[in-house]
Amino acid sequence: TDAGIEVVTGVEEAACRALNAGFVWRMVHQRPLGILKYAMTLDGKIAT
């Protein structure tokens, strides 16, 4: 803007934030984003 360039911000912001959820979390909290993934049966078992 100081150089006289027109600037628009916030276009598709939610999608852009989702793209870099890990980066945003790391910057704000000084930790990586943790994702817990598991596969289970309908009755909540991950093994027999």
ModelCIF file with pLDDT and N, C-alpha, C, O atoms, coordinates in Angstrom:
data_MODEL
#
_entry.id   MODEL 
#
_entity.id                         1 
_entity.type                       polymer 
_entity.pdbx_number_of_molecules   1 
#
_entity_poly.entity_id                      1 
_entity_poly.type                           'polypeptide(L)' 
_entity_poly.nstd_linkage                   no 
_entity_poly.nstd_monomer                   no 
_entity_poly.pdbx_seq_one_letter_code       TDAGIEVVTGVEEAACRALNAGFVWRMVHQRPLGILKYAMTLDGKIAT 
_entity_poly.pdbx_seq_one_letter_code_can   TDAGIEVVTGVEEAACRALNAGFVWRMVHQRPLGILKYAMTLDGKIAT 
_entity_poly.pdbx_strand_id                 A 
#
loop_
_entity_poly_seq.entity_id 
_entity_poly_seq.num 
_entity_poly_seq.mon_id 
_entity_poly_seq.hetero 
1 1  THR n 
1 2  ASP n 
1 3  ALA n 
1 4  GLY n 
1 5  ILE n 
1 6  GLU n 
1 7  VAL n 
1 8  VAL n 
1 9  THR n 
1 10 GLY n 
1 11 VAL n 
1 12 GLU n 
1 13 GLU n 
1 14 ALA n 
1 15 ALA n 
1 16 CYS n 
1 17 ARG n 
1 18 ALA n 
1 19 LEU n 
1 20 ASN n 
1 21 ALA n 
1 22 GLY n 
1 23 PHE n 
1 24 VAL n 
1 25 TRP n 
1 26 ARG n 
1 27 MET n 
1 28 VAL n 
1 29 HIS n 
1 30 GLN n 
1 31 ARG n 
1 32 PRO n 
1 33 LEU n 
1 34 GLY n 
1 35 ILE n 
1 36 LEU n 
1 37 LYS n 
1 38 TYR n 
1 39 ALA n 
1 40 MET n 
1 41 THR n 
1 42 LEU n 
1 43 ASP n 
1 44 GLY n 
1 45 LYS n 
1 46 ILE n 
1 47 ALA n 
1 48 THR n 
#
_struct_asym.id          A 
_struct_asym.entity_id   1 
#
loop_
_ma_qa_metric.id 
_ma_qa_metric.mode 
_ma_qa_metric.name 
_ma_qa_metric.software_group_id 
_ma_qa_metric.type 
1 global pLDDT . pLDDT 
2 local  pLDDT . pLDDT 
#
_ma_qa_metric_global.metric_id      1 
_ma_qa_metric_global.metric_value   93.81 
_ma_qa_metric_global.model_id       1 
_ma_qa_metric_global.ordinal_id     1 
#
loop_
_ma_qa_metric_local.label_asym_id 
_ma_qa_metric_local.label_comp_id 
_ma_qa_metric_local.label_seq_id 
_ma_qa_metric_local.metric_id 
_ma_qa_metric_local.metric_value 
_ma_qa_metric_local.model_id 
_ma_qa_metric_local.ordinal_id 
A THR 1  2 90.00 1 1  
A ASP 2  2 90.00 1 2  
A ALA 3  2 90.00 1 3  
A GLY 4  2 93.00 1 4  
A ILE 5  2 90.00 1 5  
A GLU 6  2 93.00 1 6  
A VAL 7  2 93.00 1 7  
A VAL 8  2 93.00 1 8  
A THR 9  2 93.00 1 9  
A GLY 10 2 94.00 1 10 
A VAL 11 2 95.00 1 11 
A GLU 12 2 96.00 1 12 
A GLU 13 2 95.00 1 13 
A ALA 14 2 94.00 1 14 
A ALA 15 2 96.00 1 15 
A CYS 16 2 96.00 1 16 
A ARG 17 2 95.00 1 17 
A ALA 18 2 93.00 1 18 
A LEU 19 2 95.00 1 19 
A ASN 20 2 95.00 1 20 
A ALA 21 2 94.00 1 21 
A GLY 22 2 95.00 1 22 
A PHE 23 2 95.00 1 23 
A VAL 24 2 94.00 1 24 
A TRP 25 2 94.00 1 25 
A ARG 26 2 95.00 1 26 
A MET 27 2 92.00 1 27 
A VAL 28 2 91.00 1 28 
A HIS 29 2 93.00 1 29 
A GLN 30 2 94.00 1 30 
A ARG 31 2 95.00 1 31 
A PRO 32 2 97.00 1 32 
A LEU 33 2 97.00 1 33 
A GLY 34 2 98.00 1 34 
A ILE 35 2 98.00 1 35 
A LEU 36 2 98.00 1 36 
A LYS 37 2 97.00 1 37 
A TYR 38 2 95.00 1 38 
A ALA 39 2 94.00 1 39 
A MET 40 2 95.00 1 40 
A THR 41 2 95.00 1 41 
A LEU 42 2 95.00 1 42 
A ASP 43 2 93.00 1 43 
A GLY 44 2 93.00 1 44 
A LYS 45 2 93.00 1 45 
A ILE 46 2 91.00 1 46 
A ALA 47 2 88.00 1 47 
A THR 48 2 85.00 1 48 
#
loop_
_atom_site.group_PDB 
_atom_site.id 
_atom_site.type_symbol 
_atom_site.label_atom_id 
_atom_site.label_alt_id 
_atom_site.label_comp_id 
_atom_site.label_asym_id 
_atom_site.label_entity_id 
_atom_site.label_seq_id 
_atom_site.pdbx_PDB_ins_code 
_atom_site.Cartn_x 
_atom_site.Cartn_y 
_atom_site.Cartn_z 
_atom_site.occupancy 
_atom_site.B_iso_or_equiv 
_atom_site.pdbx_formal_charge 
_atom_site.auth_seq_id 
_atom_site.auth_comp_id 
_atom_site.auth_asym_id 
_atom_site.auth_atom_id 
_atom_site.pdbx_PDB_model_num 
ATOM 1   N N  . THR A 1 1  ? 0.836   -1.215  0.000  1.00 90.00 ? 1  THR A N  1 
ATOM 2   C CA . THR A 1 1  ? 0.000   0.000   0.000  1.00 90.00 ? 1  THR A CA 1 
ATOM 3   C C  . THR A 1 1  ? 0.866   1.258   0.000  1.00 90.00 ? 1  THR A C  1 
ATOM 4   O O  . THR A 1 1  ? 0.507   2.261   -0.617 1.00 90.00 ? 1  THR A O  1 
ATOM 5   N N  . ASP A 1 2  ? 2.007   1.206   0.693  1.00 90.00 ? 2  ASP A N  1 
ATOM 6   C CA . ASP A 1 2  ? 2.925   2.358   0.698  1.00 90.00 ? 2  ASP A CA 1 
ATOM 7   C C  . ASP A 1 2  ? 3.461   2.648   -0.704 1.00 90.00 ? 2  ASP A C  1 
ATOM 8   O O  . ASP A 1 2  ? 3.816   3.780   -1.031 1.00 90.00 ? 2  ASP A O  1 
ATOM 9   N N  . ALA A 1 3  ? 3.509   1.579   -1.533 1.00 90.00 ? 3  ALA A N  1 
ATOM 10  C CA . ALA A 1 3  ? 3.996   1.742   -2.915 1.00 90.00 ? 3  ALA A CA 1 
ATOM 11  C C  . ALA A 1 3  ? 2.867   2.130   -3.871 1.00 90.00 ? 3  ALA A C  1 
ATOM 12  O O  . ALA A 1 3  ? 3.075   2.229   -5.080 1.00 90.00 ? 3  ALA A O  1 
ATOM 13  N N  . GLY A 1 4  ? 1.664   2.350   -3.313 1.00 93.00 ? 4  GLY A N  1 
ATOM 14  C CA . GLY A 1 4  ? 0.545   2.777   -4.140 1.00 93.00 ? 4  GLY A CA 1 
ATOM 15  C C  . GLY A 1 4  ? -0.221  1.647   -4.794 1.00 93.00 ? 4  GLY A C  1 
ATOM 16  O O  . GLY A 1 4  ? -1.031  1.879   -5.692 1.00 93.00 ? 4  GLY A O  1 
ATOM 17  N N  . ILE A 1 5  ? 0.028   0.422   -4.351 1.00 90.00 ? 5  ILE A N  1 
ATOM 18  C CA . ILE A 1 5  ? -0.675  -0.744  -4.913 1.00 90.00 ? 5  ILE A CA 1 
ATOM 19  C C  . ILE A 1 5  ? -1.998  -0.947  -4.182 1.00 90.00 ? 5  ILE A C  1 
ATOM 20  O O  . ILE A 1 5  ? -2.048  -0.910  -2.952 1.00 90.00 ? 5  ILE A O  1 
ATOM 21  N N  . GLU A 1 6  ? -3.065  -1.161  -4.943 1.00 93.00 ? 6  GLU A N  1 
ATOM 22  C CA . GLU A 1 6  ? -4.362  -1.451  -4.343 1.00 93.00 ? 6  GLU A CA 1 
ATOM 23  C C  . GLU A 1 6  ? -4.331  -2.859  -3.754 1.00 93.00 ? 6  GLU A C  1 
ATOM 24  O O  . GLU A 1 6  ? -3.885  -3.802  -4.408 1.00 93.00 ? 6  GLU A O  1 
ATOM 25  N N  . VAL A 1 7  ? -4.812  -2.998  -2.506 1.00 93.00 ? 7  VAL A N  1 
ATOM 26  C CA . VAL A 1 7  ? -4.765  -4.300  -1.817 1.00 93.00 ? 7  VAL A CA 1 
ATOM 27  C C  . VAL A 1 7  ? -6.164  -4.680  -1.346 1.00 93.00 ? 7  VAL A C  1 
ATOM 28  O O  . VAL A 1 7  ? -6.854  -3.886  -0.706 1.00 93.00 ? 7  VAL A O  1 
ATOM 29  N N  . VAL A 1 8  ? -6.573  -5.903  -1.672 1.00 93.00 ? 8  VAL A N  1 
ATOM 30  C CA . VAL A 1 8  ? -7.837  -6.464  -1.172 1.00 93.00 ? 8  VAL A CA 1 
ATOM 31  C C  . VAL A 1 8  ? -7.485  -7.713  -0.375 1.00 93.00 ? 8  VAL A C  1 
ATOM 32  O O  . VAL A 1 8  ? -6.733  -8.555  -0.867 1.00 93.00 ? 8  VAL A O  1 
ATOM 33  N N  . THR A 1 9  ? -8.006  -7.856  0.841  1.00 93.00 ? 9  THR A N  1 
ATOM 34  C CA . THR A 1 9  ? -7.707  -9.031  1.667  1.00 93.00 ? 9  THR A CA 1 
ATOM 35  C C  . THR A 1 9  ? -8.993  -9.763  2.036  1.00 93.00 ? 9  THR A C  1 
ATOM 36  O O  . THR A 1 9  ? -10.078 -9.181  2.026  1.00 93.00 ? 9  THR A O  1 
ATOM 37  N N  . GLY A 1 10 ? -8.855  -11.046 2.360  1.00 94.00 ? 10 GLY A N  1 
ATOM 38  C CA . GLY A 1 10 ? -9.978  -11.822 2.871  1.00 94.00 ? 10 GLY A CA 1 
ATOM 39  C C  . GLY A 1 10 ? -10.794 -12.530 1.808  1.00 94.00 ? 10 GLY A C  1 
ATOM 40  O O  . GLY A 1 10 ? -11.892 -13.004 2.098  1.00 94.00 ? 10 GLY A O  1 
ATOM 41  N N  . VAL A 1 11 ? -10.288 -12.616 0.581  1.00 95.00 ? 11 VAL A N  1 
ATOM 42  C CA . VAL A 1 11 ? -11.004 -13.353 -0.466 1.00 95.00 ? 11 VAL A CA 1 
ATOM 43  C C  . VAL A 1 11 ? -10.800 -14.856 -0.241 1.00 95.00 ? 11 VAL A C  1 
ATOM 44  O O  . VAL A 1 11 ? -9.663  -15.329 -0.214 1.00 95.00 ? 11 VAL A O  1 
ATOM 45  N N  . GLU A 1 12 ? -11.895 -15.606 -0.079 1.00 96.00 ? 12 GLU A N  1 
ATOM 46  C CA . GLU A 1 12 ? -11.847 -17.045 0.227  1.00 96.00 ? 12 GLU A CA 1 
ATOM 47  C C  . GLU A 1 12 ? -10.985 -17.310 1.468  1.00 96.00 ? 12 GLU A C  1 
ATOM 48  O O  . GLU A 1 12 ? -10.225 -18.276 1.514  1.00 96.00 ? 12 GLU A O  1 
ATOM 49  N N  . GLU A 1 13 ? -11.116 -16.450 2.455  1.00 95.00 ? 13 GLU A N  1 
ATOM 50  C CA . GLU A 1 13 ? -10.249 -16.535 3.642  1.00 95.00 ? 13 GLU A CA 1 
ATOM 51  C C  . GLU A 1 13 ? -10.399 -17.862 4.385  1.00 95.00 ? 13 GLU A C  1 
ATOM 52  O O  . GLU A 1 13 ? -9.405  -18.453 4.807  1.00 95.00 ? 13 GLU A O  1 
ATOM 53  N N  . ALA A 1 14 ? -11.639 -18.331 4.545  1.00 94.00 ? 14 ALA A N  1 
ATOM 54  C CA . ALA A 1 14 ? -11.844 -19.590 5.280  1.00 94.00 ? 14 ALA A CA 1 
ATOM 55  C C  . ALA A 1 14 ? -11.118 -20.738 4.591  1.00 94.00 ? 14 ALA A C  1 
ATOM 56  O O  . ALA A 1 14 ? -10.493 -21.566 5.254  1.00 94.00 ? 14 ALA A O  1 
ATOM 57  N N  . ALA A 1 15 ? -11.198 -20.790 3.266  1.00 96.00 ? 15 ALA A N  1 
ATOM 58  C CA . ALA A 1 15 ? -10.525 -21.856 2.514  1.00 96.00 ? 15 ALA A CA 1 
ATOM 59  C C  . ALA A 1 15 ? -9.005  -21.725 2.611  1.00 96.00 ? 15 ALA A C  1 
ATOM 60  O O  . ALA A 1 15 ? -8.292  -22.725 2.692  1.00 96.00 ? 15 ALA A O  1 
ATOM 61  N N  . CYS A 1 16 ? -8.522  -20.491 2.602  1.00 96.00 ? 16 CYS A N  1 
ATOM 62  C CA . CYS A 1 16 ? -7.073  -20.263 2.711  1.00 96.00 ? 16 CYS A CA 1 
ATOM 63  C C  . CYS A 1 16 ? -6.563  -20.639 4.100  1.00 96.00 ? 16 CYS A C  1 
ATOM 64  O O  . CYS A 1 16 ? -5.464  -21.175 4.238  1.00 96.00 ? 16 CYS A O  1 
ATOM 65  N N  . ARG A 1 17 ? -7.360  -20.358 5.119  1.00 95.00 ? 17 ARG A N  1 
ATOM 66  C CA . ARG A 1 17 ? -6.966  -20.737 6.481  1.00 95.00 ? 17 ARG A CA 1 
ATOM 67  C C  . ARG A 1 17 ? -6.983  -22.257 6.650  1.00 95.00 ? 17 ARG A C  1 
ATOM 68  O O  . ARG A 1 17 ? -6.108  -22.829 7.298  1.00 95.00 ? 17 ARG A O  1 
ATOM 69  N N  . ALA A 1 18 ? -7.996  -22.905 6.054  1.00 93.00 ? 18 ALA A N  1 
ATOM 70  C CA . ALA A 1 18 ? -8.072  -24.364 6.126  1.00 93.00 ? 18 ALA A CA 1 
ATOM 71  C C  . ALA A 1 18 ? -6.882  -25.002 5.416  1.00 93.00 ? 18 ALA A C  1 
ATOM 72  O O  . ALA A 1 18 ? -6.356  -26.018 5.872  1.00 93.00 ? 18 ALA A O  1 
ATOM 73  N N  . LEU A 1 19 ? -6.459  -24.413 4.311  1.00 95.00 ? 19 LEU A N  1 
ATOM 74  C CA . LEU A 1 19 ? -5.303  -24.907 3.561  1.00 95.00 ? 19 LEU A CA 1 
ATOM 75  C C  . LEU A 1 19 ? -4.071  -24.985 4.446  1.00 95.00 ? 19 LEU A C  1 
ATOM 76  O O  . LEU A 1 19 ? -3.295  -25.937 4.363  1.00 95.00 ? 19 LEU A O  1 
ATOM 77  N N  . ASN A 1 20 ? -3.896  -23.979 5.294  1.00 95.00 ? 20 ASN A N  1 
ATOM 78  C CA . ASN A 1 20 ? -2.695  -23.886 6.125  1.00 95.00 ? 20 ASN A CA 1 
ATOM 79  C C  . ASN A 1 20 ? -3.007  -23.955 7.616  1.00 95.00 ? 20 ASN A C  1 
ATOM 80  O O  . ASN A 1 20 ? -2.413  -23.236 8.419  1.00 95.00 ? 20 ASN A O  1 
ATOM 81  N N  . ALA A 1 21 ? -3.952  -24.834 7.977  1.00 94.00 ? 21 ALA A N  1 
ATOM 82  C CA . ALA A 1 21 ? -4.334  -24.961 9.390  1.00 94.00 ? 21 ALA A CA 1 
ATOM 83  C C  . ALA A 1 21 ? -3.130  -25.302 10.269 1.00 94.00 ? 21 ALA A C  1 
ATOM 84  O O  . ALA A 1 21 ? -2.994  -24.781 11.376 1.00 94.00 ? 21 ALA A O  1 
ATOM 85  N N  . GLY A 1 22 ? -2.259  -26.179 9.767  1.00 95.00 ? 22 GLY A N  1 
ATOM 86  C CA . GLY A 1 22 ? -1.071  -26.564 10.537 1.00 95.00 ? 22 GLY A CA 1 
ATOM 87  C C  . GLY A 1 22 ? -0.114  -25.408 10.732 1.00 95.00 ? 22 GLY A C  1 
ATOM 88  O O  . GLY A 1 22 ? 0.432   -25.234 11.821 1.00 95.00 ? 22 GLY A O  1 
ATOM 89  N N  . PHE A 1 23 ? 0.097   -24.613 9.693  1.00 95.00 ? 23 PHE A N  1 
ATOM 90  C CA . PHE A 1 23 ? 0.989   -23.457 9.774  1.00 95.00 ? 23 PHE A CA 1 
ATOM 91  C C  . PHE A 1 23 ? 0.440   -22.412 10.737 1.00 95.00 ? 23 PHE A C  1 
ATOM 92  O O  . PHE A 1 23 ? 1.175   -21.860 11.555 1.00 95.00 ? 23 PHE A O  1 
ATOM 93  N N  . VAL A 1 24 ? -0.866  -22.147 10.630 1.00 94.00 ? 24 VAL A N  1 
ATOM 94  C CA . VAL A 1 24 ? -1.494  -21.154 11.513 1.00 94.00 ? 24 VAL A CA 1 
ATOM 95  C C  . VAL A 1 24 ? -1.373  -21.595 12.968 1.00 94.00 ? 24 VAL A C  1 
ATOM 96  O O  . VAL A 1 24 ? -1.005  -20.802 13.834 1.00 94.00 ? 24 VAL A O  1 
ATOM 97  N N  . TRP A 1 25 ? -1.688  -22.880 13.235 1.00 94.00 ? 25 TRP A N  1 
ATOM 98  C CA . TRP A 1 25 ? -1.611  -23.386 14.611 1.00 94.00 ? 25 TRP A CA 1 
ATOM 99  C C  . TRP A 1 25 ? -0.177  -23.292 15.142 1.00 94.00 ? 25 TRP A C  1 
ATOM 100 O O  . TRP A 1 25 ? 0.036   -22.895 16.288 1.00 94.00 ? 25 TRP A O  1 
ATOM 101 N N  . ARG A 1 26 ? 0.785   -23.650 14.326 1.00 95.00 ? 26 ARG A N  1 
ATOM 102 C CA . ARG A 1 26 ? 2.199   -23.596 14.719 1.00 95.00 ? 26 ARG A CA 1 
ATOM 103 C C  . ARG A 1 26 ? 2.617   -22.171 15.076 1.00 95.00 ? 26 ARG A C  1 
ATOM 104 O O  . ARG A 1 26 ? 3.322   -21.950 16.061 1.00 95.00 ? 26 ARG A O  1 
ATOM 105 N N  . MET A 1 27 ? 2.175   -21.212 14.268 1.00 92.00 ? 27 MET A N  1 
ATOM 106 C CA . MET A 1 27 ? 2.553   -19.818 14.510 1.00 92.00 ? 27 MET A CA 1 
ATOM 107 C C  . MET A 1 27 ? 1.923   -19.265 15.789 1.00 92.00 ? 27 MET A C  1 
ATOM 108 O O  . MET A 1 27 ? 2.560   -18.526 16.539 1.00 92.00 ? 27 MET A O  1 
ATOM 109 N N  . VAL A 1 28 ? 0.672   -19.631 16.023 1.00 91.00 ? 28 VAL A N  1 
ATOM 110 C CA . VAL A 1 28 ? -0.058  -19.079 17.182 1.00 91.00 ? 28 VAL A CA 1 
ATOM 111 C C  . VAL A 1 28 ? 0.328   -19.782 18.485 1.00 91.00 ? 28 VAL A C  1 
ATOM 112 O O  . VAL A 1 28 ? 0.418   -19.139 19.531 1.00 91.00 ? 28 VAL A O  1 
ATOM 113 N N  . HIS A 1 29 ? 0.559   -21.114 18.426 1.00 93.00 ? 29 HIS A N  1 
ATOM 114 C CA . HIS A 1 29 ? 0.735   -21.910 19.644 1.00 93.00 ? 29 HIS A CA 1 
ATOM 115 C C  . HIS A 1 29 ? 2.137   -22.493 19.828 1.00 93.00 ? 29 HIS A C  1 
ATOM 116 O O  . HIS A 1 29 ? 2.410   -23.140 20.839 1.00 93.00 ? 29 HIS A O  1 
ATOM 117 N N  . GLN A 1 30 ? 3.018   -22.271 18.866 1.00 94.00 ? 30 GLN A N  1 
ATOM 118 C CA . GLN A 1 30 ? 4.381   -22.835 18.920 1.00 94.00 ? 30 GLN A CA 1 
ATOM 119 C C  . GLN A 1 30 ? 4.363   -24.353 19.107 1.00 94.00 ? 30 GLN A C  1 
ATOM 120 O O  . GLN A 1 30 ? 5.169   -24.912 19.852 1.00 94.00 ? 30 GLN A O  1 
ATOM 121 N N  . ARG A 1 31 ? 3.437   -24.999 18.423 1.00 95.00 ? 31 ARG A N  1 
ATOM 122 C CA . ARG A 1 31 ? 3.333   -26.453 18.395 1.00 95.00 ? 31 ARG A CA 1 
ATOM 123 C C  . ARG A 1 31 ? 2.768   -26.852 17.038 1.00 95.00 ? 31 ARG A C  1 
ATOM 124 O O  . ARG A 1 31 ? 2.058   -26.059 16.420 1.00 95.00 ? 31 ARG A O  1 
ATOM 125 N N  . PRO A 1 32 ? 3.062   -28.055 16.558 1.00 97.00 ? 32 PRO A N  1 
ATOM 126 C CA . PRO A 1 32 ? 2.391   -28.518 15.348 1.00 97.00 ? 32 PRO A CA 1 
ATOM 127 C C  . PRO A 1 32 ? 0.914   -28.795 15.643 1.00 97.00 ? 32 PRO A C  1 
ATOM 128 O O  . PRO A 1 32 ? 0.521   -28.952 16.799 1.00 97.00 ? 32 PRO A O  1 
ATOM 129 N N  . LEU A 1 33 ? 0.110   -28.853 14.592 1.00 97.00 ? 33 LEU A N  1 
ATOM 130 C CA . LEU A 1 33 ? -1.287  -29.245 14.721 1.00 97.00 ? 33 LEU A CA 1 
ATOM 131 C C  . LEU A 1 33 ? -1.348  -30.760 14.857 1.00 97.00 ? 33 LEU A C  1 
ATOM 132 O O  . LEU A 1 33 ? -0.766  -31.481 14.046 1.00 97.00 ? 33 LEU A O  1 
ATOM 133 N N  . GLY A 1 34 ? -2.050  -31.246 15.881 1.00 98.00 ? 34 GLY A N  1 
ATOM 134 C CA . GLY A 1 34 ? -2.161  -32.685 16.117 1.00 98.00 ? 34 GLY A CA 1 
ATOM 135 C C  . GLY A 1 34 ? -3.486  -33.223 15.609 1.00 98.00 ? 34 GLY A C  1 
ATOM 136 O O  . GLY A 1 34 ? -4.549  -32.692 15.934 1.00 98.00 ? 34 GLY A O  1 
ATOM 137 N N  . ILE A 1 35 ? -3.418  -34.287 14.806 1.00 98.00 ? 35 ILE A N  1 
ATOM 138 C CA . ILE A 1 35 ? -4.623  -34.938 14.260 1.00 98.00 ? 35 ILE A CA 1 
ATOM 139 C C  . ILE A 1 35 ? -4.642  -36.389 14.740 1.00 98.00 ? 35 ILE A C  1 
ATOM 140 O O  . ILE A 1 35 ? -3.708  -37.146 14.476 1.00 98.00 ? 35 ILE A O  1 
ATOM 141 N N  . LEU A 1 36 ? -5.701  -36.769 15.442 1.00 98.00 ? 36 LEU A N  1 
ATOM 142 C CA . LEU A 1 36 ? -5.868  -38.155 15.863 1.00 98.00 ? 36 LEU A CA 1 
ATOM 143 C C  . LEU A 1 36 ? -6.709  -38.875 14.823 1.00 98.00 ? 36 LEU A C  1 
ATOM 144 O O  . LEU A 1 36 ? -7.855  -38.501 14.573 1.00 98.00 ? 36 LEU A O  1 
ATOM 145 N N  . LYS A 1 37 ? -6.136  -39.910 14.218 1.00 97.00 ? 37 LYS A N  1 
ATOM 146 C CA . LYS A 1 37 ? -6.835  -40.701 13.204 1.00 97.00 ? 37 LYS A CA 1 
ATOM 147 C C  . LYS A 1 37 ? -6.969  -42.132 13.696 1.00 97.00 ? 37 LYS A C  1 
ATOM 148 O O  . LYS A 1 37 ? -6.007  -42.719 14.192 1.00 97.00 ? 37 LYS A O  1 
ATOM 149 N N  . TYR A 1 38 ? -8.158  -42.689 13.557 1.00 95.00 ? 38 TYR A N  1 
ATOM 150 C CA . TYR A 1 38 ? -8.322  -44.109 13.862 1.00 95.00 ? 38 TYR A CA 1 
ATOM 151 C C  . TYR A 1 38 ? -9.435  -44.694 13.008 1.00 95.00 ? 38 TYR A C  1 
ATOM 152 O O  . TYR A 1 38 ? -10.302 -43.974 12.513 1.00 95.00 ? 38 TYR A O  1 
ATOM 153 N N  . ALA A 1 39 ? -9.396  -46.017 12.844 1.00 94.00 ? 39 ALA A N  1 
ATOM 154 C CA . ALA A 1 39 ? -10.460 -46.751 12.170 1.00 94.00 ? 39 ALA A CA 1 
ATOM 155 C C  . ALA A 1 39 ? -11.128 -47.638 13.211 1.00 94.00 ? 39 ALA A C  1 
ATOM 156 O O  . ALA A 1 39 ? -10.451 -48.310 13.989 1.00 94.00 ? 39 ALA A O  1 
ATOM 157 N N  . MET A 1 40 ? -12.452 -47.639 13.225 1.00 95.00 ? 40 MET A N  1 
ATOM 158 C CA . MET A 1 40 ? -13.158 -48.457 14.215 1.00 95.00 ? 40 MET A CA 1 
ATOM 159 C C  . MET A 1 40 ? -14.412 -49.060 13.615 1.00 95.00 ? 40 MET A C  1 
ATOM 160 O O  . MET A 1 40 ? -14.915 -48.602 12.589 1.00 95.00 ? 40 MET A O  1 
ATOM 161 N N  . THR A 1 41 ? -14.910 -50.107 14.280 1.00 95.00 ? 41 THR A N  1 
ATOM 162 C CA . THR A 1 41 ? -16.180 -50.719 13.906 1.00 95.00 ? 41 THR A CA 1 
ATOM 163 C C  . THR A 1 41 ? -17.315 -49.849 14.421 1.00 95.00 ? 41 THR A C  1 
ATOM 164 O O  . THR A 1 41 ? -17.097 -48.908 15.184 1.00 95.00 ? 41 THR A O  1 
ATOM 165 N N  . LEU A 1 42 ? -18.523 -50.174 13.994 1.00 95.00 ? 42 LEU A N  1 
ATOM 166 C CA . LEU A 1 42 ? -19.686 -49.401 14.414 1.00 95.00 ? 42 LEU A CA 1 
ATOM 167 C C  . LEU A 1 42 ? -19.879 -49.451 15.927 1.00 95.00 ? 42 LEU A C  1 
ATOM 168 O O  . LEU A 1 42 ? -20.431 -48.520 16.513 1.00 95.00 ? 42 LEU A O  1 
ATOM 169 N N  . ASP A 1 43 ? -19.426 -50.537 16.564 1.00 93.00 ? 43 ASP A N  1 
ATOM 170 C CA . ASP A 1 43 ? -19.544 -50.632 18.019 1.00 93.00 ? 43 ASP A CA 1 
ATOM 171 C C  . ASP A 1 43 ? -18.276 -50.159 18.729 1.00 93.00 ? 43 ASP A C  1 
ATOM 172 O O  . ASP A 1 43 ? -18.037 -50.516 19.883 1.00 93.00 ? 43 ASP A O  1 
ATOM 173 N N  . GLY A 1 44 ? -17.473 -49.364 18.048 1.00 93.00 ? 44 GLY A N  1 
ATOM 174 C CA . GLY A 1 44 ? -16.380 -48.654 18.707 1.00 93.00 ? 44 GLY A CA 1 
ATOM 175 C C  . GLY A 1 44 ? -15.150 -49.466 19.030 1.00 93.00 ? 44 GLY A C  1 
ATOM 176 O O  . GLY A 1 44 ? -14.465 -49.170 20.009 1.00 93.00 ? 44 GLY A O  1 
ATOM 177 N N  . LYS A 1 45 ? -14.842 -50.491 18.235 1.00 93.00 ? 45 LYS A N  1 
ATOM 178 C CA . LYS A 1 45 ? -13.650 -51.311 18.481 1.00 93.00 ? 45 LYS A CA 1 
ATOM 179 C C  . LYS A 1 45 ? -12.596 -51.042 17.404 1.00 93.00 ? 45 LYS A C  1 
ATOM 180 O O  . LYS A 1 45 ? -12.925 -50.890 16.228 1.00 93.00 ? 45 LYS A O  1 
ATOM 181 N N  . ILE A 1 46 ? -11.325 -50.985 17.820 1.00 91.00 ? 46 ILE A N  1 
ATOM 182 C CA . ILE A 1 46 ? -10.245 -50.807 16.856 1.00 91.00 ? 46 ILE A CA 1 
ATOM 183 C C  . ILE A 1 46 ? -9.511  -52.122 16.589 1.00 91.00 ? 46 ILE A C  1 
ATOM 184 O O  . ILE A 1 46 ? -8.584  -52.172 15.780 1.00 91.00 ? 46 ILE A O  1 
ATOM 185 N N  . ALA A 1 47 ? -9.932  -53.178 17.270 1.00 88.00 ? 47 ALA A N  1 
ATOM 186 C CA . ALA A 1 47 ? -9.382  -54.526 17.062 1.00 88.00 ? 47 ALA A CA 1 
ATOM 187 C C  . ALA A 1 47 ? -10.302 -55.518 17.764 1.00 88.00 ? 47 ALA A C  1 
ATOM 188 O O  . ALA A 1 47 ? -11.190 -55.131 18.525 1.00 88.00 ? 47 ALA A O  1 
ATOM 189 N N  . THR A 1 48 ? -10.080 -56.788 17.501 1.00 85.00 ? 48 THR A N  1 
ATOM 190 C CA . THR A 1 48 ? -10.836 -57.832 18.190 1.00 85.00 ? 48 THR A CA 1 
ATOM 191 C C  . THR A 1 48 ? -10.225 -58.067 19.578 1.00 85.00 ? 48 THR A C  1 
ATOM 192 O O  . THR A 1 48 ? -10.711 -58.910 20.332 1.00 85.00 ? 48 THR A O  1 
#
